[in-house]
PDB file of N, CA and C in Angstrom:
ATOM      1  N   MET A   1       0.853  -1.178   0.000  1.00  0.00           N
ATOM      2  CA  MET A   1       0.000   0.000   0.000  1.00  0.00           C
ATOM      3  C   MET A   1       0.900   1.243   0.000  1.00  0.00           C
ATOM      4  N   PRO A   2       0.614   2.223  -0.873  1.00  0.00           N
ATOM      5  CA  PRO A   2       1.446   3.424  -0.907  1.00  0.00           C
ATOM      6  C   PRO A   2       1.323   4.211   0.391  1.00  0.00           C
ATOM      7  N   ARG A   3       2.414   4.792   0.759  1.00  0.00           N
ATOM      8  CA  ARG A   3       2.435   5.602   1.969  1.00  0.00           C
ATOM      9  C   ARG A   3       1.672   6.902   1.739  1.00  0.00           C
ATOM     10  N   SER A   4       0.904   7.329   2.698  1.00  0.00           N
ATOM     11  CA  SER A   4       0.134   8.565   2.545  1.00  0.00           C
ATOM     12  C   SER A   4       0.648   9.609   3.520  1.00  0.00           C
ATOM     13  N   SER A   5       0.362  10.845   3.202  1.00  0.00           N
ATOM     14  CA  SER A   5       0.749  11.939   4.084  1.00  0.00           C
ATOM     15  C   SER A   5      -0.355  12.992   4.070  1.00  0.00           C
ATOM     16  N   SER A   6      -0.209  13.952   4.939  1.00  0.00           N
ATOM     17  CA  SER A   6      -1.206  15.013   5.059  1.00  0.00           C
ATOM     18  C   SER A   6      -0.590  16.346   4.675  1.00  0.00           C
ATOM     19  N   ILE A   7      -1.416  17.204   4.122  1.00  0.00           N
ATOM     20  CA  ILE A   7      -1.003  18.578   3.847  1.00  0.00           C
ATOM     21  C   ILE A   7      -2.101  19.509   4.345  1.00  0.00           C
ATOM     22  N   THR A   8      -1.732  20.739   4.598  1.00  0.00           N
ATOM     23  CA  THR A   8      -2.691  21.760   4.998  1.00  0.00           C
ATOM     24  C   THR A   8      -2.629  22.879   3.983  1.00  0.00           C
ATOM     25  N   VAL A   9      -3.777  23.271   3.490  1.00  0.00           N
ATOM     26  CA  VAL A   9      -3.851  24.382   2.534  1.00  0.00           C
ATOM     27  C   VAL A   9      -4.612  25.502   3.215  1.00  0.00           C
ATOM     28  N   ARG A  10      -3.936  26.620   3.383  1.00  0.00           N
ATOM     29  CA  ARG A  10      -4.550  27.761   4.060  1.00  0.00           C
ATOM     30  C   ARG A  10      -5.015  28.802   3.040  1.00  0.00           C
ATOM     31  N   LYS A  11      -5.863  29.670   3.496  1.00  0.00           N
ATOM     32  CA  LYS A  11      -6.330  30.829   2.734  1.00  0.00           C
ATOM     33  C   LYS A  11      -7.056  30.451   1.441  1.00  0.00           C
ATOM     34  N   ILE A  12      -7.882  29.413   1.513  1.00  0.00           N
ATOM     35  CA  ILE A  12      -8.731  29.056   0.378  1.00  0.00           C
ATOM     36  C   ILE A  12      -9.971  29.933   0.451  1.00  0.00           C
ATOM     37  N   ASP A  13     -10.291  30.533  -0.652  1.00  0.00           N
ATOM     38  CA  ASP A  13     -11.466  31.388  -0.717  1.00  0.00           C
ATOM     39  C   ASP A  13     -12.699  30.582  -0.319  1.00  0.00           C
ATOM     40  N   GLU A  14     -13.562  31.183   0.468  1.00  0.00           N
ATOM     41  CA  GLU A  14     -14.752  30.490   0.973  1.00  0.00           C
ATOM     42  C   GLU A  14     -15.637  29.991  -0.165  1.00  0.00           C
ATOM     43  N   SER A  15     -15.716  30.747  -1.250  1.00  0.00           N
ATOM     44  CA  SER A  15     -16.551  30.312  -2.381  1.00  0.00           C
ATOM     45  C   SER A  15     -15.967  29.060  -3.042  1.00  0.00           C
ATOM     46  N   VAL A  16     -14.653  28.949  -3.093  1.00  0.00           N
ATOM     47  CA  VAL A  16     -14.021  27.753  -3.655  1.00  0.00           C
ATOM     48  C   VAL A  16     -14.320  26.554  -2.766  1.00  0.00           C
ATOM     49  N   LYS A  17     -14.192  26.740  -1.467  1.00  0.00           N
ATOM     50  CA  LYS A  17     -14.468  25.655  -0.522  1.00  0.00           C
ATOM     51  C   LYS A  17     -15.922  25.190  -0.642  1.00  0.00           C
ATOM     52  N   ARG A  18     -16.837  26.147  -0.779  1.00  0.00           N
ATOM     53  CA  ARG A  18     -18.256  25.809  -0.907  1.00  0.00           C
ATOM     54  C   ARG A  18     -18.499  25.007  -2.185  1.00  0.00           C
ATOM     55  N   LYS A  19     -17.901  25.436  -3.283  1.00  0.00           N
ATOM     56  CA  LYS A  19     -18.071  24.726  -4.557  1.00  0.00           C
ATOM     57  C   LYS A  19     -17.494  23.318  -4.489  1.00  0.00           C
ATOM     58  N   LEU A  20     -16.344  23.176  -3.839  1.00  0.00           N
ATOM     59  CA  LEU A  20     -15.755  21.845  -3.692  1.00  0.00           C
ATOM     60  C   LEU A  20     -16.636  20.944  -2.829  1.00  0.00           C
ATOM     61  N   ARG A  21     -17.186  21.521  -1.774  1.00  0.00           N
ATOM     62  CA  ARG A  21     -18.071  20.750  -0.891  1.00  0.00           C
ATOM     63  C   ARG A  21     -19.312  20.299  -1.664  1.00  0.00           C
ATOM     64  N   MET A  22     -19.881  21.176  -2.495  1.00  0.00           N
ATOM     65  CA  MET A  22     -21.057  20.822  -3.293  1.00  0.00           C
ATOM     66  C   MET A  22     -20.699  19.748  -4.332  1.00  0.00           C
ATOM     67  N   ARG A  23     -19.539  19.894  -4.934  1.00  0.00           N
ATOM     68  CA  ARG A  23     -19.083  18.909  -5.922  1.00  0.00           C
ATOM     69  C   ARG A  23     -18.902  17.538  -5.254  1.00  0.00           C
ATOM     70  N   ALA A  24     -18.312  17.539  -4.073  1.00  0.00           N
ATOM     71  CA  ALA A  24     -18.115  16.281  -3.339  1.00  0.00           C
ATOM     72  C   ALA A  24     -19.455  15.649  -3.005  1.00  0.00           C
ATOM     73  N   ALA A  25     -20.404  16.442  -2.537  1.00  0.00           N
ATOM     74  CA  ALA A  25     -21.720  15.917  -2.178  1.00  0.00           C
ATOM     75  C   ALA A  25     -22.416  15.317  -3.396  1.00  0.00           C
ATOM     76  N   SER A  26     -22.279  15.966  -4.552  1.00  0.00           N
ATOM     77  CA  SER A  26     -22.929  15.440  -5.754  1.00  0.00           C
ATOM     78  C   SER A  26     -22.293  14.119  -6.203  1.00  0.00           C
ATOM     79  N   GLU A  27     -21.034  13.899  -5.833  1.00  0.00           N
ATOM     80  CA  GLU A  27     -20.353  12.647  -6.164  1.00  0.00           C
ATOM     81  C   GLU A  27     -20.512  11.597  -5.070  1.00  0.00           C
ATOM     82  N   GLY A  28     -21.096  12.018  -3.948  1.00  0.00           N
ATOM     83  CA  GLY A  28     -21.362  11.080  -2.871  1.00  0.00           C
ATOM     84  C   GLY A  28     -20.165  10.776  -1.984  1.00  0.00           C
ATOM     85  N   HIS A  29     -19.233  11.706  -1.898  1.00  0.00           N
ATOM     86  CA  HIS A  29     -18.123  11.494  -0.982  1.00  0.00           C
ATOM     87  C   HIS A  29     -17.761  12.779  -0.250  1.00  0.00           C
ATOM     88  N   SER A  30     -16.799  12.685   0.639  1.00  0.00           N
ATOM     89  CA  SER A  30     -16.439  13.817   1.494  1.00  0.00           C
ATOM     90  C   SER A  30     -15.633  14.863   0.724  1.00  0.00           C
ATOM     91  N   LEU A  31     -15.577  16.039   1.322  1.00  0.00           N
ATOM     92  CA  LEU A  31     -14.757  17.108   0.762  1.00  0.00           C
ATOM     93  C   LEU A  31     -13.305  16.654   0.674  1.00  0.00           C
ATOM     94  N   GLU A  32     -12.839  16.001   1.708  1.00  0.00           N
ATOM     95  CA  GLU A  32     -11.455  15.521   1.742  1.00  0.00           C
ATOM     96  C   GLU A  32     -11.180  14.544   0.595  1.00  0.00           C
ATOM     97  N   GLU A  33     -12.109  13.623   0.359  1.00  0.00           N
ATOM     98  CA  GLU A  33     -11.943  12.660  -0.736  1.00  0.00           C
ATOM     99  C   GLU A  33     -11.977  13.361  -2.085  1.00  0.00           C
ATOM    100  N   GLU A  34     -12.842  14.344  -2.219  1.00  0.00           N
ATOM    101  CA  GLU A  34     -12.928  15.104  -3.476  1.00  0.00           C
ATOM    102  C   GLU A  34     -11.595  15.779  -3.772  1.00  0.00           C
ATOM    103  N   ILE A  35     -11.020  16.403  -2.772  1.00  0.00           N
ATOM    104  CA  ILE A  35      -9.740  17.089  -2.947  1.00  0.00           C
ATOM    105  C   ILE A  35      -8.637  16.085  -3.267  1.00  0.00           C
ATOM    106  N   ARG A  36      -8.650  14.912  -2.608  1.00  0.00           N
ATOM    107  CA  ARG A  36      -7.664  13.869  -2.910  1.00  0.00           C
ATOM    108  C   ARG A  36      -7.756  13.444  -4.373  1.00  0.00           C
ATOM    109  N   GLN A  37      -8.977  13.258  -4.859  1.00  0.00           N
ATOM    110  CA  GLN A  37      -9.160  12.838  -6.255  1.00  0.00           C
ATOM    111  C   GLN A  37      -8.686  13.922  -7.222  1.00  0.00           C
ATOM    112  N   ILE A  38      -9.018  15.172  -6.932  1.00  0.00           N
ATOM    113  CA  ILE A  38      -8.589  16.280  -7.794  1.00  0.00           C
ATOM    114  C   ILE A  38      -7.068  16.349  -7.847  1.00  0.00           C
ATOM    115  N   LEU A  39      -6.426  16.245  -6.684  1.00  0.00           N
ATOM    116  CA  LEU A  39      -4.964  16.312  -6.636  1.00  0.00           C
ATOM    117  C   LEU A  39      -4.323  15.127  -7.349  1.00  0.00           C
ATOM    118  N   SER A  40      -4.900  13.946  -7.187  1.00  0.00           N
ATOM    119  CA  SER A  40      -4.363  12.755  -7.862  1.00  0.00           C
ATOM    120  C   SER A  40      -4.436  12.906  -9.370  1.00  0.00           C
ATOM    121  N   LYS A  41      -5.592  13.359  -9.875  1.00  0.00           N
ATOM    122  CA  LYS A  41      -5.738  13.554 -11.326  1.00  0.00           C
ATOM    123  C   LYS A  41      -4.775  14.619 -11.836  1.00  0.00           C
ATOM    124  N   ALA A  42      -4.641  15.694 -11.099  1.00  0.00           N
ATOM    125  CA  ALA A  42      -3.740  16.776 -11.518  1.00  0.00           C
ATOM    126  C   ALA A  42      -2.283  16.309 -11.530  1.00  0.00           C
ATOM    127  N   ALA A  43      -1.903  15.490 -10.564  1.00  0.00           N
ATOM    128  CA  ALA A  43      -0.523  15.010 -10.488  1.00  0.00           C
ATOM    129  C   ALA A  43      -0.201  14.042 -11.616  1.00  0.00           C
ATOM    130  N   GLU A  44      -1.208  13.327 -12.115  1.00  0.00           N
ATOM    131  CA  GLU A  44      -0.984  12.370 -13.194  1.00  0.00           C
ATOM    132  C   GLU A  44      -0.861  13.041 -14.552  1.00  0.00           C
ATOM    133  N   GLN A  45      -1.404  14.211 -14.708  1.00  0.00           N
ATOM    134  CA  GLN A  45      -1.362  14.895 -15.994  1.00  0.00           C
ATOM    135  C   GLN A  45       0.053  15.376 -16.284  1.00  0.00           C
ATOM    136  N   THR A  46       0.451  15.231 -17.537  1.00  0.00           N
ATOM    137  CA  THR A  46       1.750  15.719 -17.963  1.00  0.00           C
ATOM    138  C   THR A  46       1.584  17.167 -18.391  1.00  0.00           C
ATOM    139  N   PRO A  47       2.398  18.052 -17.860  1.00  0.00           N
ATOM    140  CA  PRO A  47       2.277  19.438 -18.297  1.00  0.00           C
ATOM    141  C   PRO A  47       2.627  19.560 -19.780  1.00  0.00           C
ATOM    142  N   SER A  48       1.891  20.373 -20.477  1.00  0.00           N
ATOM    143  CA  SER A  48       2.142  20.538 -21.910  1.00  0.00           C
ATOM    144  C   SER A  48       3.190  21.623 -22.122  1.00  0.00           C
ATOM    145  N   THR A  49       4.391  21.337 -21.697  1.00  0.00           N
ATOM    146  CA  THR A  49       5.473  22.305 -21.860  1.00  0.00           C
ATOM    147  C   THR A  49       6.061  22.173 -23.253  1.00  0.00           C
ATOM    148  N   PRO A  50       6.299  23.283 -23.909  1.00  0.00           N
ATOM    149  CA  PRO A  50       6.887  23.240 -25.243  1.00  0.00           C
ATOM    150  C   PRO A  50       8.306  22.664 -25.181  1.00  0.00           C
ATOM    151  N   VAL A  51       8.728  22.137 -26.307  1.00  0.00           N
ATOM    152  CA  VAL A  51      10.056  21.546 -26.393  1.00  0.00           C
ATOM    153  C   VAL A  51      11.126  22.617 -26.254  1.00  0.00           C
ATOM    154  N   ASN A  52      10.882  23.771 -26.817  1.00  0.00           N
ATOM    155  CA  ASN A  52      11.877  24.843 -26.749  1.00  0.00           C
ATOM    156  C   ASN A  52      11.190  26.202 -26.876  1.00  0.00           C
ATOM    157  N   LEU A  53      11.955  27.264 -26.781  1.00  0.00           N
ATOM    158  CA  LEU A  53      11.396  28.618 -26.827  1.00  0.00           C
ATOM    159  C   LEU A  53      10.724  28.903 -28.168  1.00  0.00           C
ATOM    160  N   ALA A  54      11.357  28.479 -29.255  1.00  0.00           N
ATOM    161  CA  ALA A  54      10.767  28.714 -30.577  1.00  0.00           C
ATOM    162  C   ALA A  54       9.394  28.050 -30.676  1.00  0.00           C
ATOM    163  N   GLN A  55       9.282  26.836 -30.146  1.00  0.00           N
ATOM    164  CA  GLN A  55       7.999  26.128 -30.173  1.00  0.00           C
ATOM    165  C   GLN A  55       6.965  26.853 -29.315  1.00  0.00           C
ATOM    166  N   ALA A  56       7.393  27.371 -28.175  1.00  0.00           N
ATOM    167  CA  ALA A  56       6.481  28.106 -27.297  1.00  0.00           C
ATOM    168  C   ALA A  56       5.943  29.345 -28.004  1.00  0.00           C
ATOM    169  N   ILE A  57       6.797  30.046 -28.705  1.00  0.00           N
ATOM    170  CA  ILE A  57       6.375  31.246 -29.441  1.00  0.00           C
ATOM    171  C   ILE A  57       5.422  30.856 -30.566  1.00  0.00           C
ATOM    172  N   MET A  58       5.752  29.808 -31.306  1.00  0.00           N
ATOM    173  CA  MET A  58       4.884  29.366 -32.401  1.00  0.00           C
ATOM    174  C   MET A  58       3.516  28.948 -31.876  1.00  0.00           C
ATOM    175  N   ASP A  59       3.490  28.296 -30.721  1.00  0.00           N
ATOM    176  CA  ASP A  59       2.211  27.878 -30.134  1.00  0.00           C
ATOM    177  C   ASP A  59       1.316  29.069 -29.811  1.00  0.00           C
ATOM    178  N   ILE A  60       1.920  30.212 -29.528  1.00  0.00           N
ATOM    179  CA  ILE A  60       1.153  31.419 -29.206  1.00  0.00           C
ATOM    180  C   ILE A  60       0.720  32.160 -30.459  1.00  0.00           C
ATOM    181  N   VAL A  61       1.641  32.347 -31.419  1.00  0.00           N
ATOM    182  CA  VAL A  61       1.335  33.209 -32.566  1.00  0.00           C
ATOM    183  C   VAL A  61       0.680  32.489 -33.735  1.00  0.00           C
ATOM    184  N   ASP A  62       0.884  31.187 -33.894  1.00  0.00           N
ATOM    185  CA  ASP A  62       0.267  30.480 -35.018  1.00  0.00           C
ATOM    186  C   ASP A  62      -1.252  30.554 -35.009  1.00  0.00           C
ATOM    187  N   PRO A  63      -1.920  30.366 -33.857  1.00  0.00           N
ATOM    188  CA  PRO A  63      -3.389  30.437 -33.873  1.00  0.00           C
ATOM    189  C   PRO A  63      -3.933  31.801 -34.296  1.00  0.00           C
ATOM    190  N   ILE A  64      -3.156  32.861 -34.150  1.00  0.00           N
ATOM    191  CA  ILE A  64      -3.642  34.191 -34.538  1.00  0.00           C
ATOM    192  C   ILE A  64      -3.115  34.612 -35.900  1.00  0.00           C
ATOM    193  N   GLY A  65      -2.468  33.687 -36.610  1.00  0.00           N
ATOM    194  CA  GLY A  65      -2.014  33.980 -37.969  1.00  0.00           C
ATOM    195  C   GLY A  65      -0.637  34.603 -38.040  1.00  0.00           C
ATOM    196  N   GLY A  66       0.118  34.529 -36.998  1.00  0.00           N
ATOM    197  CA  GLY A  66       1.479  35.066 -37.019  1.00  0.00           C
ATOM    198  C   GLY A  66       1.509  36.537 -36.636  1.00  0.00           C
ATOM    199  N   ILE A  67       2.691  37.086 -36.675  1.00  0.00           N
ATOM    200  CA  ILE A  67       2.895  38.497 -36.330  1.00  0.00           C
ATOM    201  C   ILE A  67       3.807  39.120 -37.370  1.00  0.00           C
ATOM    202  N   GLU A  68       3.397  40.249 -37.897  1.00  0.00           N
ATOM    203  CA  GLU A  68       4.224  40.988 -38.840  1.00  0.00           C
ATOM    204  C   GLU A  68       4.977  42.078 -38.083  1.00  0.00           C
ATOM    205  N   LEU A  69       6.269  42.098 -38.238  1.00  0.00           N
ATOM    206  CA  LEU A  69       7.088  43.110 -37.580  1.00  0.00           C
ATOM    207  C   LEU A  69       7.635  44.080 -38.610  1.00  0.00           C
ATOM    208  N   ASP A  70       7.609  45.365 -38.288  1.00  0.00           N
ATOM    209  CA  ASP A  70       8.227  46.364 -39.144  1.00  0.00           C
ATOM    210  C   ASP A  70       9.711  46.393 -38.821  1.00  0.00           C
ATOM    211  N   LEU A  71      10.511  45.991 -39.783  1.00  0.00           N
ATOM    212  CA  LEU A  71      11.943  45.980 -39.567  1.00  0.00           C
ATOM    213  C   LEU A  71      12.534  47.322 -39.984  1.00  0.00           C
ATOM    214  N   PRO A  72      13.441  47.862 -39.201  1.00  0.00           N
ATOM    215  CA  PRO A  72      14.061  49.135 -39.578  1.00  0.00           C
ATOM    216  C   PRO A  72      14.937  48.940 -40.808  1.00  0.00           C
ATOM    217  N   PRO A  73      15.091  49.988 -41.619  1.00  0.00           N
ATOM    218  CA  PRO A  73      15.948  49.850 -42.806  1.00  0.00           C
ATOM    219  C   PRO A  73      17.395  49.598 -42.380  1.00  0.00           C
ATOM    220  N   ARG A  74      18.076  48.845 -43.204  1.00  0.00           N
ATOM    221  CA  ARG A  74      19.476  48.558 -42.912  1.00  0.00           C
ATOM    222  C   ARG A  74      20.326  49.764 -43.269  1.00  0.00           C
ATOM    223  N   THR A  75      21.318  49.987 -42.473  1.00  0.00           N
ATOM    224  CA  THR A  75      22.245  51.096 -42.727  1.00  0.00           C
ATOM    225  C   THR A  75      23.597  50.515 -43.113  1.00  0.00           C
ATOM    226  N   PRO A  76      24.405  51.306 -43.812  1.00  0.00           N
ATOM    227  CA  PRO A  76      25.729  50.788 -44.173  1.00  0.00           C
ATOM    228  C   PRO A  76      26.540  50.463 -42.913  1.00  0.00           C
ATOM    229  N   GLU A  77      27.426  49.521 -43.063  1.00  0.00           N
ATOM    230  CA  GLU A  77      28.261  49.164 -41.921  1.00  0.00           C
ATOM    231  C   GLU A  77      29.210  50.315 -41.619  1.00  0.00           C
ATOM    232  N   ARG A  78      29.521  50.454 -40.353  1.00  0.00           N
ATOM    233  CA  ARG A  78      30.444  51.516 -39.975  1.00  0.00           C
ATOM    234  C   ARG A  78      31.880  51.073 -40.270  1.00  0.00           C
ATOM    235  N   GLU A  79      32.740  52.030 -40.292  1.00  0.00           N
ATOM    236  CA  GLU A  79      34.156  51.752 -40.532  1.00  0.00           C
ATOM    237  C   GLU A  79      34.708  50.958 -39.349  1.00  0.00           C
ATOM    238  N   PRO A  80      35.396  49.857 -39.606  1.00  0.00           N
ATOM    239  CA  PRO A  80      35.930  49.084 -38.484  1.00  0.00           C
ATOM    240  C   PRO A  80      37.035  49.858 -37.763  1.00  0.00           C
ATOM    241  N   PRO A  81      37.234  49.583 -36.502  1.00  0.00           N
ATOM    242  CA  PRO A  81      38.295  50.292 -35.778  1.00  0.00           C
ATOM    243  C   PRO A  81      39.670  49.922 -36.328  1.00  0.00           C
ATOM    244  N   ARG A  82      40.565  50.877 -36.222  1.00  0.00           N
ATOM    245  CA  ARG A  82      41.940  50.630 -36.672  1.00  0.00           C
ATOM    246  C   ARG A  82      42.821  50.482 -35.447  1.00  0.00           C
ATOM    247  N   PHE A  83      43.688  49.495 -35.492  1.00  0.00           N
ATOM    248  CA  PHE A  83      44.565  49.245 -34.371  1.00  0.00           C
ATOM    249  C   PHE A  83      46.028  49.484 -34.707  1.00  0.00           C
ATOM    250  N   ASP A  84      46.288  49.954 -35.911  1.00  0.00           N
ATOM    251  CA  ASP A  84      47.684  50.256 -36.247  1.00  0.00           C
ATOM    252  C   ASP A  84      48.059  51.593 -35.636  1.00  0.00           C
ATOM    253  N   TRP A  85      49.173  51.655 -35.034  1.00  0.00           N
ATOM    254  CA  TRP A  85      49.626  52.839 -34.318  1.00  0.00           C
ATOM    255  C   TRP A  85      50.472  53.677 -35.246  1.00  0.00           C
ATOM    256  N   ASP A  86      50.001  54.881 -35.467  1.00  0.00           N
ATOM    257  CA  ASP A  86      50.763  55.792 -36.325  1.00  0.00           C
ATOM    258  C   ASP A  86      51.495  56.766 -35.415  1.00  0.00           C
ATOM    259  N   GLU A  87      52.823  56.676 -35.411  1.00  0.00           N
ATOM    260  CA  GLU A  87      53.611  57.476 -34.477  1.00  0.00           C
ATOM    261  C   GLU A  87      53.488  58.971 -34.753  1.00  0.00           C
ATOM    262  N   GLU A  88      53.146  59.330 -35.970  1.00  0.00           N
ATOM    263  CA  GLU A  88      53.026  60.752 -36.283  1.00  0.00           C
ATOM    264  C   GLU A  88      51.794  61.351 -35.611  1.00  0.00           C
ATOM    265  N   GLU A  89      50.767  60.567 -35.316  1.00  0.00           N
ATOM    266  CA  GLU A  89      49.555  61.073 -34.711  1.00  0.00           C
ATOM    267  C   GLU A  89      49.715  61.267 -33.214  1.00  0.00           C
ATOM    268  N   SER A  90      50.762  60.745 -32.587  1.00  0.00           N
ATOM    269  CA  SER A  90      50.892  60.851 -31.142  1.00  0.00           C
ATOM    270  C   SER A  90      51.596  62.081 -30.692  1.00  0.00           C
TER     271      SER A  90
END
């Protein structure tokens, strides 16, 4: 038999507690049993975490048809720094 333990959850909104109590009564079991079942089901679910950041972004923007970004115009590259020491300039 799996080992069981107890937890205490504080500051639950009274309306949430009332709804859970009503849900438990409609299922024919105690509030405590209802909460145990909810927690067990939630713990068994695999979170749908994206594989990577790119996938997470695609999951958000694909349903809305993507996002168009205004890209600034490209400017010519600047002159690279010079590291040759010209003794006449010193």
